[in-house]
């Protein structure tokens, strides 16, 4: 279990562009299952790729609430994806957790994912949610209360940045961050590992 300080809601009450890279190397657990965050993407409310860009809806309402809560949505009607809401209330910005390096509860992750390959357990946002058992039932919950635990990173890692992936709008902005050289990324960064 991590020995670092727990991250609380005030940590997320900052610019999404500060929070996103600061999450690389932090630990995210759901009921004790999870690992090190190795890849994230930032979505600012002024960004046409953000779910909040066109204003509040029933689906994205959590993004318009207070920071430090989870926004969980289904992608393409198939996979759950988990985001942490950032900035002051009503700013509607969030960080998508794209990949983890599994460290805790690997047996549960393997059972949920139906595979043994540690590298594939959490290398993609849908895989993260399946491995950690995250569903729409977690949408809107505060991330500093059970079943969640976020722990600050112990040291500042070397971070790669590049364009986001899996979207069709604002694809040129370098708002995808990852642990440089990690084998657990969903996709390598160009020229960065």
N, C-alpha and C. Protein backbone atom coordinates (compact mmCIF):
# COMPACT_ATOMS: atom_id res chain seq x y z
N UNK A 1 0.84 -1.19 0.00
CA UNK A 1 0.00 0.00 0.00
C UNK A 1 0.88 1.25 0.00
N UNK A 2 0.54 2.28 -0.74
CA UNK A 2 1.36 3.49 -0.82
C UNK A 2 1.55 4.16 0.53
N UNK A 3 2.69 4.78 0.72
CA UNK A 3 2.99 5.50 1.95
C UNK A 3 2.88 7.01 1.78
N UNK A 4 2.61 7.49 0.58
CA UNK A 4 2.50 8.92 0.29
C UNK A 4 1.24 9.50 0.91
N UNK A 5 1.19 10.83 0.95
CA UNK A 5 0.01 11.53 1.47
C UNK A 5 -1.17 11.33 0.53
N UNK A 6 -2.36 11.26 1.11
CA UNK A 6 -3.56 11.15 0.30
C UNK A 6 -3.86 12.49 -0.36
N UNK A 7 -4.31 12.43 -1.60
CA UNK A 7 -4.75 13.63 -2.30
C UNK A 7 -6.21 13.89 -1.94
N UNK A 8 -6.53 15.15 -1.66
CA UNK A 8 -7.89 15.51 -1.31
C UNK A 8 -8.45 16.46 -2.36
N UNK A 9 -9.70 16.83 -2.19
CA UNK A 9 -10.37 17.65 -3.20
C UNK A 9 -9.65 18.97 -3.50
N UNK A 10 -9.05 19.67 -2.54
CA UNK A 10 -8.36 20.91 -2.90
C UNK A 10 -7.24 20.73 -3.94
N UNK A 11 -6.62 19.56 -3.98
CA UNK A 11 -5.59 19.28 -4.99
C UNK A 11 -6.15 19.46 -6.40
N UNK A 12 -7.43 19.13 -6.58
CA UNK A 12 -8.06 19.18 -7.89
C UNK A 12 -8.69 20.54 -8.20
N UNK A 13 -8.69 21.44 -7.24
CA UNK A 13 -9.26 22.77 -7.44
C UNK A 13 -8.20 23.69 -8.03
N UNK A 14 -7.64 23.26 -9.14
CA UNK A 14 -6.62 23.99 -9.88
C UNK A 14 -6.88 23.79 -11.35
N UNK A 15 -6.11 24.49 -12.15
CA UNK A 15 -6.22 24.34 -13.60
C UNK A 15 -6.03 22.87 -14.00
N UNK A 16 -6.84 22.42 -14.92
CA UNK A 16 -6.72 21.06 -15.44
C UNK A 16 -5.33 20.84 -16.02
N UNK A 17 -4.69 21.90 -16.49
CA UNK A 17 -3.35 21.79 -17.08
C UNK A 17 -2.26 21.66 -16.03
N UNK A 18 -2.57 21.97 -14.78
CA UNK A 18 -1.66 21.72 -13.67
C UNK A 18 -1.92 20.35 -13.05
N UNK A 19 -3.18 20.01 -12.92
CA UNK A 19 -3.55 18.74 -12.29
C UNK A 19 -3.12 17.56 -13.16
N UNK A 20 -3.37 17.61 -14.46
CA UNK A 20 -3.10 16.46 -15.34
C UNK A 20 -1.65 15.96 -15.23
N UNK A 21 -0.63 16.79 -15.45
CA UNK A 21 0.73 16.25 -15.33
C UNK A 21 1.09 15.87 -13.90
N UNK A 22 0.48 16.54 -12.91
CA UNK A 22 0.77 16.21 -11.51
C UNK A 22 0.20 14.87 -11.08
N UNK A 23 -0.73 14.31 -11.87
CA UNK A 23 -1.28 12.99 -11.55
C UNK A 23 -0.37 11.85 -12.02
N UNK A 24 0.56 12.14 -12.92
CA UNK A 24 1.47 11.09 -13.39
C UNK A 24 2.37 10.68 -12.21
N UNK A 25 2.30 9.41 -11.88
CA UNK A 25 3.06 8.87 -10.75
C UNK A 25 2.26 8.78 -9.47
N UNK A 26 1.07 9.40 -9.44
CA UNK A 26 0.19 9.25 -8.28
C UNK A 26 -0.45 7.87 -8.32
N UNK A 27 -1.00 7.44 -7.20
CA UNK A 27 -1.64 6.13 -7.11
C UNK A 27 -3.15 6.30 -6.98
N UNK A 28 -3.90 5.53 -7.75
CA UNK A 28 -5.36 5.55 -7.73
C UNK A 28 -5.85 4.15 -7.41
N UNK A 29 -6.65 4.04 -6.33
CA UNK A 29 -7.19 2.76 -5.90
C UNK A 29 -8.70 2.84 -5.75
N UNK A 30 -9.38 1.75 -6.09
CA UNK A 30 -10.81 1.59 -5.86
C UNK A 30 -10.97 0.31 -5.05
N UNK A 31 -11.43 0.45 -3.82
CA UNK A 31 -11.52 -0.69 -2.90
C UNK A 31 -10.20 -1.45 -2.83
N UNK A 32 -9.09 -0.71 -2.81
CA UNK A 32 -7.77 -1.30 -2.68
C UNK A 32 -7.18 -1.89 -3.95
N UNK A 33 -7.87 -1.73 -5.08
CA UNK A 33 -7.39 -2.26 -6.36
C UNK A 33 -6.99 -1.09 -7.26
N UNK A 34 -5.78 -1.13 -7.82
CA UNK A 34 -5.35 -0.06 -8.72
C UNK A 34 -3.85 -0.03 -8.89
N UNK A 35 -3.32 1.19 -9.07
CA UNK A 35 -1.89 1.31 -9.29
C UNK A 35 -1.48 2.73 -9.59
N UNK A 36 -0.27 2.86 -10.15
CA UNK A 36 0.30 4.16 -10.48
C UNK A 36 -0.33 4.70 -11.76
N UNK A 37 -0.72 5.94 -11.74
CA UNK A 37 -1.24 6.58 -12.94
C UNK A 37 -0.06 6.87 -13.87
N UNK A 38 -0.11 6.32 -15.08
CA UNK A 38 0.99 6.51 -16.03
C UNK A 38 0.58 7.29 -17.27
N UNK A 39 -0.73 7.55 -17.43
CA UNK A 39 -1.18 8.29 -18.62
C UNK A 39 -2.53 8.94 -18.35
N UNK A 40 -2.62 10.22 -18.73
CA UNK A 40 -3.87 10.99 -18.57
C UNK A 40 -4.04 11.92 -19.76
N UNK A 41 -5.25 12.48 -19.88
CA UNK A 41 -5.51 13.53 -20.87
C UNK A 41 -6.30 14.64 -20.20
N UNK A 42 -5.97 15.89 -20.53
CA UNK A 42 -6.68 17.05 -19.99
C UNK A 42 -7.77 17.49 -20.96
N UNK A 43 -8.93 17.87 -20.41
CA UNK A 43 -10.04 18.39 -21.19
C UNK A 43 -10.55 19.66 -20.51
N UNK A 44 -10.28 20.80 -21.15
CA UNK A 44 -10.68 22.12 -20.63
C UNK A 44 -12.04 22.49 -21.20
N UNK A 45 -12.82 23.25 -20.45
CA UNK A 45 -14.18 23.57 -20.89
C UNK A 45 -14.23 24.38 -22.19
N UNK A 46 -13.11 25.02 -22.58
CA UNK A 46 -13.07 25.77 -23.84
C UNK A 46 -12.64 24.89 -25.02
N UNK A 47 -12.42 23.63 -24.75
CA UNK A 47 -11.90 22.66 -25.71
C UNK A 47 -13.05 21.96 -26.43
N UNK A 48 -13.13 22.04 -27.76
CA UNK A 48 -14.24 21.40 -28.48
C UNK A 48 -14.31 19.88 -28.29
N UNK A 49 -13.25 19.25 -27.81
CA UNK A 49 -13.28 17.81 -27.55
C UNK A 49 -13.83 17.48 -26.16
N UNK A 50 -13.98 18.49 -25.30
CA UNK A 50 -14.49 18.26 -23.94
C UNK A 50 -16.00 18.03 -23.98
N UNK A 51 -16.48 17.12 -23.16
CA UNK A 51 -17.91 16.85 -23.09
C UNK A 51 -18.69 18.07 -22.60
N UNK A 52 -18.02 18.99 -21.91
CA UNK A 52 -18.68 20.17 -21.36
C UNK A 52 -18.71 21.36 -22.32
N UNK A 53 -18.10 21.23 -23.46
CA UNK A 53 -17.92 22.35 -24.39
C UNK A 53 -19.23 23.04 -24.76
N UNK A 54 -20.28 22.28 -24.97
CA UNK A 54 -21.57 22.85 -25.40
C UNK A 54 -22.52 23.14 -24.23
N UNK A 55 -22.02 23.03 -23.01
CA UNK A 55 -22.84 23.34 -21.85
C UNK A 55 -23.31 22.10 -21.12
N UNK A 56 -24.01 22.32 -20.00
CA UNK A 56 -24.42 21.18 -19.17
C UNK A 56 -25.53 20.35 -19.80
N UNK A 57 -25.43 19.05 -19.58
CA UNK A 57 -26.45 18.08 -19.99
C UNK A 57 -26.61 17.09 -18.85
N UNK A 58 -27.56 16.20 -18.96
CA UNK A 58 -27.73 15.16 -17.93
C UNK A 58 -26.47 14.30 -17.85
N UNK A 59 -25.84 14.04 -18.99
CA UNK A 59 -24.65 13.17 -19.02
C UNK A 59 -23.45 13.83 -18.34
N UNK A 60 -23.20 15.12 -18.62
CA UNK A 60 -21.97 15.75 -18.14
C UNK A 60 -22.15 16.63 -16.91
N UNK A 61 -23.29 16.58 -16.25
CA UNK A 61 -23.60 17.47 -15.13
C UNK A 61 -22.52 17.47 -14.05
N UNK A 62 -21.90 16.34 -13.79
CA UNK A 62 -20.86 16.26 -12.76
C UNK A 62 -19.70 17.20 -13.07
N UNK A 63 -19.40 17.39 -14.36
CA UNK A 63 -18.29 18.27 -14.74
C UNK A 63 -18.54 19.71 -14.32
N UNK A 64 -19.79 20.10 -14.14
CA UNK A 64 -20.13 21.47 -13.77
C UNK A 64 -20.26 21.63 -12.25
N UNK A 65 -19.97 20.59 -11.53
CA UNK A 65 -20.03 20.63 -10.07
C UNK A 65 -18.67 20.92 -9.46
N UNK A 66 -18.53 20.65 -8.19
CA UNK A 66 -17.27 20.95 -7.51
C UNK A 66 -16.13 20.04 -7.95
N UNK A 67 -14.89 20.52 -7.85
CA UNK A 67 -13.74 19.68 -8.19
C UNK A 67 -13.58 18.55 -7.19
N UNK A 68 -12.81 17.54 -7.60
CA UNK A 68 -12.53 16.43 -6.72
C UNK A 68 -13.60 15.36 -6.71
N UNK A 69 -14.41 15.32 -7.76
CA UNK A 69 -15.41 14.27 -7.93
C UNK A 69 -15.13 13.54 -9.23
N UNK A 70 -15.67 12.33 -9.35
CA UNK A 70 -15.45 11.55 -10.55
C UNK A 70 -16.57 11.75 -11.55
N UNK A 71 -16.16 11.90 -12.81
CA UNK A 71 -17.09 11.94 -13.93
C UNK A 71 -16.87 10.64 -14.70
N UNK A 72 -17.88 9.78 -14.70
CA UNK A 72 -17.79 8.49 -15.37
C UNK A 72 -18.82 8.47 -16.50
N UNK A 73 -18.37 8.11 -17.69
CA UNK A 73 -19.27 8.04 -18.84
C UNK A 73 -18.94 6.80 -19.66
N UNK A 74 -19.88 6.42 -20.51
CA UNK A 74 -19.66 5.28 -21.40
C UNK A 74 -19.20 5.79 -22.75
N UNK A 75 -18.11 5.23 -23.24
CA UNK A 75 -17.54 5.61 -24.52
C UNK A 75 -18.04 4.66 -25.61
N UNK A 76 -18.60 5.24 -26.67
CA UNK A 76 -19.11 4.47 -27.81
C UNK A 76 -20.12 3.40 -27.37
N UNK A 77 -20.78 3.64 -26.25
CA UNK A 77 -21.79 2.71 -25.76
C UNK A 77 -21.23 1.39 -25.26
N UNK A 78 -19.89 1.31 -25.08
CA UNK A 78 -19.25 0.04 -24.73
C UNK A 78 -18.48 0.12 -23.41
N UNK A 79 -17.50 1.04 -23.35
CA UNK A 79 -16.55 1.07 -22.23
C UNK A 79 -16.82 2.24 -21.29
N UNK A 80 -16.70 2.00 -19.99
CA UNK A 80 -16.74 3.09 -19.03
C UNK A 80 -15.39 3.79 -19.04
N UNK A 81 -15.40 5.11 -18.85
CA UNK A 81 -14.19 5.91 -18.75
C UNK A 81 -14.31 6.78 -17.50
N UNK A 82 -13.20 6.99 -16.80
CA UNK A 82 -13.23 7.75 -15.55
C UNK A 82 -12.36 9.00 -15.66
N UNK A 83 -12.92 10.10 -15.18
CA UNK A 83 -12.26 11.41 -15.18
C UNK A 83 -12.35 12.00 -13.79
N UNK A 84 -11.40 12.88 -13.45
CA UNK A 84 -11.50 13.64 -12.21
C UNK A 84 -11.80 15.09 -12.58
N UNK A 85 -12.81 15.66 -11.93
CA UNK A 85 -13.23 17.03 -12.21
C UNK A 85 -12.26 17.99 -11.54
N UNK A 86 -11.85 19.03 -12.28
CA UNK A 86 -10.86 20.00 -11.80
C UNK A 86 -11.42 21.42 -11.81
N UNK A 87 -10.65 22.31 -11.24
CA UNK A 87 -10.90 23.75 -11.22
C UNK A 87 -12.12 24.10 -10.39
N UNK A 88 -12.40 25.38 -10.32
CA UNK A 88 -13.50 25.87 -9.50
C UNK A 88 -14.84 25.39 -10.04
N UNK A 89 -15.84 25.39 -9.17
CA UNK A 89 -17.18 24.95 -9.55
C UNK A 89 -17.65 25.66 -10.81
N UNK A 90 -18.30 24.92 -11.66
CA UNK A 90 -18.85 25.37 -12.94
C UNK A 90 -17.82 25.60 -14.03
N UNK A 91 -16.55 25.29 -13.81
CA UNK A 91 -15.58 25.44 -14.90
C UNK A 91 -15.66 24.27 -15.88
N UNK A 92 -16.12 23.12 -15.40
CA UNK A 92 -16.38 21.96 -16.26
C UNK A 92 -15.15 21.45 -17.00
N UNK A 93 -14.04 21.33 -16.30
CA UNK A 93 -12.82 20.75 -16.86
C UNK A 93 -12.52 19.44 -16.12
N UNK A 94 -11.88 18.50 -16.82
CA UNK A 94 -11.62 17.20 -16.19
C UNK A 94 -10.39 16.54 -16.79
N UNK A 95 -9.84 15.59 -16.04
CA UNK A 95 -8.69 14.79 -16.49
C UNK A 95 -9.15 13.35 -16.65
N UNK A 96 -8.99 12.82 -17.87
CA UNK A 96 -9.29 11.43 -18.16
C UNK A 96 -8.11 10.57 -17.73
N UNK A 97 -8.37 9.53 -16.96
CA UNK A 97 -7.31 8.58 -16.59
C UNK A 97 -7.25 7.53 -17.69
N UNK A 98 -6.14 7.53 -18.43
CA UNK A 98 -6.00 6.64 -19.59
C UNK A 98 -5.31 5.32 -19.28
N UNK A 99 -4.36 5.31 -18.32
CA UNK A 99 -3.63 4.06 -18.07
C UNK A 99 -3.01 4.07 -16.68
N UNK A 100 -2.93 2.88 -16.11
CA UNK A 100 -2.27 2.65 -14.82
C UNK A 100 -1.22 1.57 -14.97
N UNK A 101 -0.23 1.63 -14.11
CA UNK A 101 0.67 0.50 -13.90
C UNK A 101 0.10 -0.27 -12.72
N UNK A 102 -0.44 -1.47 -12.93
CA UNK A 102 -1.10 -2.19 -11.85
C UNK A 102 -0.12 -2.53 -10.72
N UNK A 103 -0.52 -2.23 -9.48
CA UNK A 103 0.34 -2.55 -8.33
C UNK A 103 -0.43 -3.23 -7.20
N UNK A 104 -1.74 -2.99 -7.11
CA UNK A 104 -2.53 -3.53 -6.01
C UNK A 104 -3.75 -4.28 -6.56
N UNK A 105 -4.01 -5.46 -6.01
CA UNK A 105 -5.20 -6.20 -6.40
C UNK A 105 -5.14 -6.81 -7.78
N UNK A 106 -3.97 -7.29 -8.18
CA UNK A 106 -3.81 -7.85 -9.53
C UNK A 106 -4.72 -9.05 -9.78
N UNK A 107 -4.97 -9.86 -8.77
CA UNK A 107 -5.84 -11.03 -8.97
C UNK A 107 -7.25 -10.57 -9.33
N UNK A 108 -7.75 -9.53 -8.65
CA UNK A 108 -9.08 -9.00 -8.97
C UNK A 108 -9.11 -8.42 -10.38
N UNK A 109 -8.04 -7.70 -10.75
CA UNK A 109 -7.98 -7.13 -12.10
C UNK A 109 -7.97 -8.23 -13.16
N UNK A 110 -7.18 -9.25 -12.93
CA UNK A 110 -7.10 -10.35 -13.91
C UNK A 110 -8.46 -11.05 -14.05
N UNK A 111 -9.15 -11.23 -12.95
CA UNK A 111 -10.47 -11.86 -12.99
C UNK A 111 -11.45 -10.98 -13.78
N UNK A 112 -11.46 -9.69 -13.49
CA UNK A 112 -12.39 -8.77 -14.17
C UNK A 112 -12.09 -8.63 -15.65
N UNK A 113 -10.81 -8.64 -15.99
CA UNK A 113 -10.41 -8.46 -17.39
C UNK A 113 -10.35 -9.77 -18.15
N UNK A 114 -10.26 -10.90 -17.44
CA UNK A 114 -10.21 -12.20 -18.11
C UNK A 114 -8.91 -12.45 -18.83
N UNK A 115 -7.81 -11.91 -18.30
CA UNK A 115 -6.50 -12.14 -18.90
C UNK A 115 -5.41 -12.03 -17.85
N UNK A 116 -4.22 -12.54 -18.18
CA UNK A 116 -3.11 -12.55 -17.23
C UNK A 116 -2.08 -11.47 -17.49
N UNK A 117 -1.97 -11.00 -18.74
CA UNK A 117 -0.92 -10.07 -19.12
C UNK A 117 -1.03 -8.76 -18.34
N UNK A 118 -0.11 -8.57 -17.41
CA UNK A 118 -0.11 -7.38 -16.55
C UNK A 118 -0.11 -6.08 -17.34
N UNK A 119 0.58 -6.05 -18.47
CA UNK A 119 0.67 -4.84 -19.27
C UNK A 119 -0.68 -4.44 -19.86
N UNK A 120 -1.54 -5.41 -20.12
CA UNK A 120 -2.83 -5.12 -20.75
C UNK A 120 -3.98 -4.91 -19.76
N UNK A 121 -3.71 -5.04 -18.48
CA UNK A 121 -4.79 -4.91 -17.50
C UNK A 121 -5.40 -3.51 -17.48
N UNK A 122 -4.55 -2.48 -17.54
CA UNK A 122 -5.02 -1.10 -17.38
C UNK A 122 -4.45 -0.15 -18.42
N UNK A 123 -4.13 -0.65 -19.62
CA UNK A 123 -3.52 0.20 -20.65
C UNK A 123 -4.57 0.73 -21.62
N UNK A 124 -5.40 1.62 -21.12
CA UNK A 124 -6.47 2.25 -21.89
C UNK A 124 -7.60 2.61 -20.95
N UNK A 125 -8.34 3.66 -21.23
CA UNK A 125 -9.36 4.11 -20.28
C UNK A 125 -10.47 3.11 -20.01
N UNK A 126 -10.90 2.36 -21.01
CA UNK A 126 -11.91 1.33 -20.79
C UNK A 126 -11.36 0.19 -19.95
N UNK A 127 -10.12 -0.16 -20.18
CA UNK A 127 -9.47 -1.23 -19.42
C UNK A 127 -9.30 -0.83 -17.96
N UNK A 128 -8.95 0.43 -17.72
CA UNK A 128 -8.81 0.92 -16.34
C UNK A 128 -10.12 0.69 -15.58
N UNK A 129 -11.22 1.13 -16.17
CA UNK A 129 -12.50 1.00 -15.48
C UNK A 129 -12.90 -0.45 -15.28
N UNK A 130 -12.69 -1.29 -16.29
CA UNK A 130 -13.05 -2.70 -16.13
C UNK A 130 -12.19 -3.35 -15.05
N UNK A 131 -10.89 -3.09 -15.05
CA UNK A 131 -9.99 -3.70 -14.08
C UNK A 131 -10.28 -3.25 -12.65
N UNK A 132 -10.67 -1.98 -12.48
CA UNK A 132 -10.94 -1.43 -11.15
C UNK A 132 -12.41 -1.55 -10.74
N UNK A 133 -13.25 -2.06 -11.63
CA UNK A 133 -14.66 -2.23 -11.32
C UNK A 133 -15.44 -0.93 -11.30
N UNK A 134 -15.00 0.07 -12.08
CA UNK A 134 -15.68 1.37 -12.12
C UNK A 134 -16.82 1.33 -13.13
N UNK A 135 -18.00 1.79 -12.69
CA UNK A 135 -19.18 1.86 -13.55
C UNK A 135 -19.87 3.21 -13.34
N UNK A 136 -20.99 3.40 -13.99
CA UNK A 136 -21.74 4.64 -13.83
C UNK A 136 -22.19 4.86 -12.39
N UNK A 137 -22.25 3.79 -11.60
CA UNK A 137 -22.61 3.92 -10.18
C UNK A 137 -21.61 4.80 -9.42
N UNK A 138 -20.40 4.96 -9.95
CA UNK A 138 -19.37 5.78 -9.30
C UNK A 138 -19.42 7.24 -9.76
N UNK A 139 -20.23 7.54 -10.76
CA UNK A 139 -20.31 8.89 -11.30
C UNK A 139 -20.77 9.87 -10.20
N UNK A 140 -20.02 10.96 -10.05
CA UNK A 140 -20.37 12.01 -9.10
C UNK A 140 -19.85 11.81 -7.69
N UNK A 141 -19.23 10.67 -7.41
CA UNK A 141 -18.73 10.42 -6.06
C UNK A 141 -17.46 11.22 -5.80
N UNK A 142 -17.27 11.61 -4.54
CA UNK A 142 -16.06 12.33 -4.13
C UNK A 142 -14.89 11.35 -4.14
N UNK A 143 -13.77 11.77 -4.70
CA UNK A 143 -12.64 10.86 -4.85
C UNK A 143 -11.81 10.71 -3.60
N UNK A 144 -12.06 11.52 -2.56
CA UNK A 144 -11.29 11.39 -1.33
C UNK A 144 -12.06 10.63 -0.25
N UNK A 145 -13.06 9.87 -0.67
CA UNK A 145 -13.84 9.03 0.25
C UNK A 145 -13.90 7.62 -0.32
N UNK A 146 -14.08 6.62 0.56
CA UNK A 146 -14.22 5.25 0.07
C UNK A 146 -15.36 5.16 -0.94
N UNK A 147 -15.18 4.35 -1.98
CA UNK A 147 -14.18 3.30 -2.12
C UNK A 147 -12.86 3.77 -2.74
N UNK A 148 -12.69 5.08 -2.94
CA UNK A 148 -11.52 5.59 -3.65
C UNK A 148 -10.41 6.02 -2.71
N UNK A 149 -9.19 5.95 -3.21
CA UNK A 149 -8.03 6.53 -2.53
C UNK A 149 -7.06 7.00 -3.61
N UNK A 150 -6.66 8.26 -3.51
CA UNK A 150 -5.63 8.83 -4.36
C UNK A 150 -4.45 9.16 -3.46
N UNK A 151 -3.25 8.74 -3.87
CA UNK A 151 -2.04 9.04 -3.10
C UNK A 151 -1.09 9.85 -3.98
N UNK A 152 -0.50 10.88 -3.40
CA UNK A 152 0.46 11.72 -4.12
C UNK A 152 1.66 10.90 -4.56
N UNK A 153 2.26 11.30 -5.64
CA UNK A 153 3.47 10.61 -6.10
C UNK A 153 4.61 10.89 -5.12
N UNK A 154 5.51 9.92 -4.99
CA UNK A 154 6.62 10.04 -4.05
C UNK A 154 7.72 10.94 -4.61
N UNK A 155 7.95 10.86 -5.92
CA UNK A 155 8.97 11.68 -6.56
C UNK A 155 8.40 12.20 -7.88
N UNK A 156 9.00 13.26 -8.40
CA UNK A 156 8.54 13.81 -9.67
C UNK A 156 9.15 12.99 -10.81
N UNK A 157 8.30 12.34 -11.61
CA UNK A 157 8.80 11.51 -12.70
C UNK A 157 9.11 12.33 -13.95
N UNK A 158 9.77 11.68 -14.91
CA UNK A 158 9.97 12.30 -16.21
C UNK A 158 8.70 12.09 -17.02
N UNK A 159 8.12 13.20 -17.48
CA UNK A 159 6.80 13.17 -18.12
C UNK A 159 6.92 13.49 -19.60
N UNK A 160 6.24 12.69 -20.41
CA UNK A 160 6.12 12.95 -21.84
C UNK A 160 4.78 13.65 -22.09
N UNK A 161 4.72 14.49 -23.10
CA UNK A 161 3.47 15.16 -23.48
C UNK A 161 3.31 15.07 -24.98
N UNK A 162 2.04 14.99 -25.41
CA UNK A 162 1.78 14.91 -26.83
C UNK A 162 0.30 15.05 -27.11
N UNK A 163 -0.09 14.92 -28.37
CA UNK A 163 -1.50 15.04 -28.74
C UNK A 163 -2.34 13.94 -28.10
N UNK A 164 -3.58 14.27 -27.81
CA UNK A 164 -4.52 13.28 -27.29
C UNK A 164 -4.88 12.29 -28.39
N UNK A 165 -5.40 11.14 -27.98
CA UNK A 165 -5.72 10.09 -28.95
C UNK A 165 -7.18 9.66 -28.78
N UNK A 166 -7.73 9.07 -29.84
CA UNK A 166 -9.08 8.55 -29.79
C UNK A 166 -10.17 9.61 -29.88
N UNK A 167 -9.81 10.82 -30.34
CA UNK A 167 -10.79 11.90 -30.50
C UNK A 167 -10.69 12.44 -31.92
N UNK A 168 -11.67 13.25 -32.31
CA UNK A 168 -11.67 13.80 -33.67
C UNK A 168 -11.57 15.32 -33.68
N UNK A 169 -11.71 15.97 -32.52
CA UNK A 169 -11.64 17.44 -32.44
C UNK A 169 -10.45 17.84 -31.59
N UNK A 170 -9.83 18.97 -31.95
CA UNK A 170 -8.70 19.51 -31.19
C UNK A 170 -7.63 18.45 -30.94
N UNK A 171 -7.35 17.67 -31.96
CA UNK A 171 -6.38 16.58 -31.79
C UNK A 171 -4.93 17.07 -31.76
N UNK A 172 -4.71 18.31 -32.15
CA UNK A 172 -3.34 18.82 -32.23
C UNK A 172 -2.79 19.31 -30.90
N UNK A 173 -3.65 19.56 -29.91
CA UNK A 173 -3.16 20.11 -28.65
C UNK A 173 -2.42 19.04 -27.85
N UNK A 174 -1.28 19.40 -27.24
CA UNK A 174 -0.46 18.41 -26.52
C UNK A 174 -0.92 18.23 -25.08
N UNK A 175 -2.15 17.77 -24.90
CA UNK A 175 -2.73 17.66 -23.56
C UNK A 175 -2.82 16.22 -23.08
N UNK A 176 -2.04 15.35 -23.68
CA UNK A 176 -1.90 13.97 -23.19
C UNK A 176 -0.55 13.88 -22.49
N UNK A 177 -0.57 13.36 -21.26
CA UNK A 177 0.65 13.28 -20.45
C UNK A 177 0.87 11.83 -20.04
N UNK A 178 2.15 11.44 -20.01
CA UNK A 178 2.45 10.07 -19.62
C UNK A 178 3.80 9.93 -18.96
N UNK A 179 3.97 8.83 -18.27
CA UNK A 179 5.24 8.50 -17.64
C UNK A 179 6.20 8.06 -18.74
N UNK A 180 7.21 8.84 -18.95
CA UNK A 180 8.14 8.58 -20.07
C UNK A 180 8.75 7.19 -19.95
N UNK A 181 8.64 6.43 -21.03
CA UNK A 181 9.23 5.09 -21.10
C UNK A 181 8.41 3.99 -20.47
N UNK A 182 7.23 4.29 -19.91
CA UNK A 182 6.43 3.26 -19.26
C UNK A 182 5.92 2.24 -20.29
N UNK A 183 5.98 0.98 -19.94
CA UNK A 183 5.44 -0.07 -20.81
C UNK A 183 3.95 -0.25 -20.62
N UNK A 184 3.35 0.52 -19.70
CA UNK A 184 1.93 0.38 -19.41
C UNK A 184 1.07 1.44 -20.10
N UNK A 185 1.67 2.29 -20.92
CA UNK A 185 0.90 3.31 -21.65
C UNK A 185 -0.07 2.65 -22.62
N UNK A 186 -1.16 3.35 -22.92
CA UNK A 186 -2.10 2.82 -23.92
C UNK A 186 -1.51 2.93 -25.32
N UNK A 187 -0.66 3.93 -25.53
CA UNK A 187 0.03 4.12 -26.80
C UNK A 187 1.29 4.93 -26.53
N UNK A 188 2.37 4.55 -27.17
CA UNK A 188 3.65 5.28 -26.99
C UNK A 188 3.52 6.72 -27.44
N UNK A 189 4.32 7.57 -26.84
CA UNK A 189 4.42 8.96 -27.27
C UNK A 189 5.45 9.04 -28.39
N UNK A 190 5.17 9.81 -29.44
CA UNK A 190 6.16 9.95 -30.52
C UNK A 190 7.48 10.49 -29.97
N UNK A 191 8.55 9.82 -30.28
CA UNK A 191 9.91 10.25 -29.91
C UNK A 191 10.11 10.43 -28.42
N UNK A 192 9.24 9.86 -27.57
CA UNK A 192 9.42 10.06 -26.13
C UNK A 192 9.34 8.77 -25.33
N UNK A 193 9.02 7.66 -25.96
CA UNK A 193 8.90 6.41 -25.20
C UNK A 193 7.54 6.22 -24.78
